Amino acid sequence: MKCLFITLEGIEGCGKSTQLRLLREHLAARGFDVITTREPGGTPAAEAVRAILLDPAHKALSSTAEALLYAAARAQHVDELIAPALEAGKIVLSDRFADSTTAYQGAGRAVFMETIQALHSIATRGTWPDLTIILDLPAAEGLKRAAAGGAPDRIEQEPLAFHERVREEFLRIARAEPDRITVVDASRPVEAVSREIREIVDKRVGLR
C-alpha cells in the first residue's frame, strides 16, 4: 500500500473532527499506518499561527494578512509533517487543507483567486490530497452545531452570509474535481456519515 493523503473539508460544525477520529480508528484497526493532523496547525509553529487566526481579539486582521498566515502555517505543516509522513509510506488524514483557503479566504473574504492559487503553489510545493471528502450541510445548521461546542472563534463569528459563500465554494470545487472530491451529506447521524466515509476510503485503499 502506497502513501495516501486524505483530507476532510466543510463548513463550521460539519463534524470533521469526529469523522477524522472514526476514520483513523477504522484504518488503524485494519493495519494501516495512519497519522492525523489539522489545519491550521499540525506542528508547533503552525499551531501558534492557528492561535492568532482563531482568536476573536484579532478582528482587525486583514483578508490578505489572513490568507498569508494560513499559507505560512500550511508551508510549515507540509515541510515538517505531511511530506515526511507520505515519504515514509503513511496514510495522512487532515482536518482541512488548501481547499479551505480557497473557500474561506477566496470566496468568503473575496481575496483574488489568482492570489489564492499562487499561495497554494508556494505553500504546498506540489503536495496535494489524493482524496478529499467534503462534509456538507446548510450553513445555519453548521453554525448552530458549532455554537453548542462553546464560545465561537474568530471565523465562527462571521455572519451567516459569509458561511453560505464558503459552503457554495466547497460545492463548486467538488463539481470541478469529481475524481478527487466526494461530497457527503453531513446532516445525518454520525454513524451513517461514518459508514459512507468508510466505504469511500475502503475502495481507495483496496479493502473492497
Protein backbone atom coordinates (compact mmCIF):
# COMPACT_ATOMS: atom_id res chain seq x y z
CA MET A 1 0.00 0.00 0.00
CA LYS A 2 1.46 3.30 -1.09
CA CYS A 3 1.15 6.52 0.88
CA LEU A 4 -2.18 8.34 0.71
CA PHE A 5 -3.15 11.89 1.62
CA ILE A 6 -6.82 12.22 2.60
CA THR A 7 -8.48 15.46 3.68
CA LEU A 8 -11.84 16.21 5.26
CA GLU A 9 -13.36 19.58 4.45
CA GLY A 10 -16.54 21.51 5.13
CA ILE A 11 -18.10 24.43 6.92
CA GLU A 12 -18.08 25.05 10.67
CA GLY A 13 -19.89 22.39 12.67
CA CYS A 14 -19.99 19.78 9.92
CA GLY A 15 -18.37 17.11 12.08
CA LYS A 16 -14.91 16.82 10.51
CA SER A 17 -13.04 16.22 13.75
CA THR A 18 -15.36 13.40 14.82
CA GLN A 19 -15.27 11.75 11.42
CA LEU A 20 -11.49 12.05 11.20
CA ARG A 21 -11.15 10.22 14.51
CA LEU A 22 -13.55 7.47 13.44
CA LEU A 23 -11.80 7.05 10.10
CA ARG A 24 -8.42 6.80 11.78
CA GLU A 25 -9.71 4.10 14.12
CA HIS A 26 -11.16 2.21 11.16
CA LEU A 27 -7.95 2.27 9.13
CA ALA A 28 -5.65 1.57 12.09
CA ALA A 29 -7.74 -1.47 13.02
CA ARG A 30 -7.05 -2.81 9.54
CA GLY A 31 -3.31 -2.47 9.88
CA PHE A 32 -2.63 0.80 8.11
CA ASP A 33 0.00 3.21 9.42
CA VAL A 34 -2.09 6.35 9.89
CA ILE A 35 -1.41 9.81 11.26
CA THR A 36 -3.99 12.53 11.81
CA THR A 37 -3.44 16.26 11.74
CA ARG A 38 -5.30 19.52 11.24
CA GLU A 39 -5.13 22.96 9.64
CA PRO A 40 -4.24 25.49 10.58
CA GLY A 41 -1.89 23.64 12.87
CA GLY A 42 -0.26 20.24 12.95
CA THR A 43 3.18 21.46 14.07
CA PRO A 44 4.24 23.71 16.97
CA ALA A 45 4.85 26.73 14.73
CA ALA A 46 1.64 26.21 12.75
CA GLU A 47 -0.35 25.79 15.97
CA ALA A 48 0.99 29.17 17.11
CA VAL A 49 -0.29 30.70 13.87
CA ARG A 50 -3.63 28.95 14.46
CA ALA A 51 -3.95 30.70 17.80
CA ILE A 52 -3.63 34.07 16.08
CA LEU A 53 -6.06 33.22 13.29
CA LEU A 54 -8.85 31.97 15.51
CA ASP A 55 -8.52 34.47 18.36
CA PRO A 56 -11.54 36.86 18.33
CA ALA A 57 -9.21 39.57 19.63
CA HIS A 58 -7.73 39.84 16.14
CA LYS A 59 -10.85 41.14 14.40
CA ALA A 60 -8.78 43.78 12.60
CA LEU A 61 -6.71 41.18 10.72
CA SER A 62 -6.98 41.99 7.02
CA SER A 63 -8.15 39.44 4.46
CA THR A 64 -4.76 39.43 2.74
CA ALA A 65 -2.87 39.04 6.02
CA GLU A 66 -5.20 36.20 6.98
CA ALA A 67 -4.57 34.37 3.70
CA LEU A 68 -0.81 34.79 4.10
CA LEU A 69 -0.90 33.42 7.63
CA TYR A 70 -2.84 30.34 6.51
CA ALA A 71 -0.28 29.82 3.75
CA ALA A 72 2.63 30.19 6.17
CA ALA A 73 1.11 27.65 8.55
CA ARG A 74 0.50 25.27 5.64
CA ALA A 75 4.07 25.56 4.35
CA GLN A 76 5.41 24.55 7.76
CA HIS A 77 2.81 21.79 8.05
CA VAL A 78 3.75 20.31 4.69
CA ASP A 79 7.51 20.57 5.21
CA GLU A 80 7.62 19.32 8.79
CA LEU A 81 4.84 16.75 8.94
CA ILE A 82 2.83 15.91 5.83
CA ALA A 83 5.56 15.43 3.23
CA PRO A 84 7.83 13.36 5.52
CA ALA A 85 4.91 11.13 6.56
CA LEU A 86 3.94 10.50 2.95
CA GLU A 87 7.55 9.78 2.03
CA ALA A 88 7.57 7.21 4.85
CA GLY A 89 4.57 5.46 3.28
CA LYS A 90 1.95 6.53 5.82
CA ILE A 91 -1.67 7.47 5.30
CA VAL A 92 -2.14 11.10 6.32
CA LEU A 93 -5.61 12.24 7.39
CA SER A 94 -6.02 16.00 7.72
CA ASP A 95 -8.85 18.07 9.12
CA ARG A 96 -8.75 20.78 6.41
CA PHE A 97 -6.11 21.70 3.84
CA ALA A 98 -5.84 24.11 0.90
CA ASP A 99 -9.47 23.74 -0.23
CA SER A 100 -10.45 25.56 2.97
CA THR A 101 -8.33 28.55 1.98
CA THR A 102 -9.99 28.61 -1.44
CA ALA A 103 -13.41 28.52 0.21
CA TYR A 104 -12.88 30.77 3.25
CA GLN A 105 -10.37 33.32 2.01
CA GLY A 106 -11.18 33.12 -1.69
CA ALA A 107 -14.98 33.01 -1.64
CA GLY A 108 -15.63 34.10 1.93
CA ARG A 109 -13.17 37.02 2.07
CA ALA A 110 -13.09 37.76 -1.69
CA VAL A 111 -9.31 37.53 -1.91
CA PHE A 112 -8.42 37.24 -5.62
CA MET A 113 -8.40 33.59 -6.66
CA GLU A 114 -5.16 34.18 -8.55
CA THR A 115 -3.58 35.15 -5.24
CA ILE A 116 -5.04 32.08 -3.52
CA GLN A 117 -3.70 29.76 -6.21
CA ALA A 118 -0.26 31.36 -6.02
CA LEU A 119 -0.21 30.84 -2.25
CA HIS A 120 -1.21 27.20 -2.72
CA SER A 121 1.69 26.69 -5.11
CA ILE A 122 4.18 28.24 -2.69
CA ALA A 123 2.90 26.54 0.46
CA THR A 124 2.24 23.01 -0.82
CA ARG A 125 5.12 22.64 -3.31
CA GLY A 126 3.03 20.05 -5.11
CA THR A 127 1.82 18.13 -2.07
CA TRP A 128 -1.90 17.73 -2.72
CA PRO A 129 -4.65 15.44 -1.41
CA ASP A 130 -5.27 12.17 -3.22
CA LEU A 131 -8.81 12.09 -1.85
CA THR A 132 -10.97 14.81 -0.30
CA ILE A 133 -14.30 14.31 1.42
CA ILE A 134 -16.48 17.38 1.85
CA LEU A 135 -18.98 17.09 4.69
CA ASP A 136 -21.90 19.20 3.55
CA LEU A 137 -24.83 20.69 5.43
CA PRO A 138 -26.64 24.04 5.48
CA ALA A 139 -24.55 26.85 6.90
CA ALA A 140 -27.16 27.78 9.51
CA GLU A 141 -27.19 24.22 10.84
CA GLY A 142 -23.41 24.10 10.95
CA LEU A 143 -23.20 27.32 12.95
CA LYS A 144 -25.84 26.02 15.34
CA ARG A 145 -23.81 22.89 15.94
CA ALA A 146 -20.59 24.88 16.35
CA ALA A 147 -22.22 27.19 18.89
CA ALA A 148 -23.16 24.19 21.01
CA GLY A 149 -19.47 23.43 21.42
CA GLY A 150 -18.59 26.64 23.23
CA ALA A 151 -17.68 30.27 22.57
CA PRO A 152 -17.31 30.96 18.83
CA ASP A 153 -13.84 31.62 17.44
CA ARG A 154 -12.97 34.48 15.08
CA ILE A 155 -14.14 32.62 11.97
CA GLU A 156 -17.31 31.23 13.55
CA GLN A 157 -18.29 34.80 14.49
CA GLU A 158 -18.64 35.78 10.84
CA PRO A 159 -22.23 36.38 9.63
CA LEU A 160 -24.33 33.66 8.04
CA ALA A 161 -23.84 35.10 4.53
CA PHE A 162 -20.07 34.54 4.85
CA HIS A 163 -20.55 30.87 5.74
CA GLU A 164 -23.06 30.41 2.94
CA ARG A 165 -20.45 31.68 0.46
CA VAL A 166 -17.95 29.25 1.91
CA ARG A 167 -20.36 26.34 1.56
CA GLU A 168 -21.16 27.21 -2.04
CA GLU A 169 -17.45 27.39 -2.88
CA PHE A 170 -16.81 23.96 -1.40
CA LEU A 171 -19.59 22.57 -3.59
CA ARG A 172 -18.19 24.38 -6.63
CA ILE A 173 -14.74 22.90 -6.00
CA ALA A 174 -16.32 19.43 -5.72
CA ARG A 175 -18.09 19.85 -9.05
CA ALA A 176 -14.83 20.95 -10.67
CA GLU A 177 -12.81 17.99 -9.32
CA PRO A 178 -15.05 14.92 -9.16
CA ASP A 179 -12.14 12.49 -9.41
CA ARG A 180 -10.60 13.79 -6.18
CA ILE A 181 -13.58 15.04 -4.20
CA THR A 182 -16.70 13.32 -2.87
CA VAL A 183 -19.49 15.24 -1.12
CA VAL A 184 -21.12 13.50 1.85
CA ASP A 185 -24.39 14.63 3.44
CA ALA A 186 -23.34 15.59 6.98
CA SER A 187 -26.88 16.34 8.18
CA ARG A 188 -27.40 12.64 9.00
CA PRO A 189 -26.47 10.81 12.23
CA VAL A 190 -22.76 10.40 12.93
CA GLU A 191 -22.72 6.65 12.26
CA ALA A 192 -24.46 6.99 8.89
CA VAL A 193 -21.91 9.60 7.81
CA SER A 194 -19.04 7.48 9.12
CA ARG A 195 -20.29 4.42 7.25
CA GLU A 196 -20.34 6.28 3.94
CA ILE A 197 -16.86 7.71 4.53
CA ARG A 198 -15.52 4.25 5.35
CA GLU A 199 -16.97 2.88 2.11
CA ILE A 200 -15.38 5.67 0.07
CA VAL A 201 -11.96 5.25 1.69
CA ASP A 202 -12.05 1.43 1.67
CA LYS A 203 -12.42 1.48 -2.11
CA ARG A 204 -9.46 3.82 -2.38
CA VAL A 205 -7.13 1.77 -0.17
CA GLY A 206 -8.18 -1.53 -1.76
CA LEU A 207 -10.24 -3.03 1.06
CA ARG A 208 -13.15 -3.59 -1.34
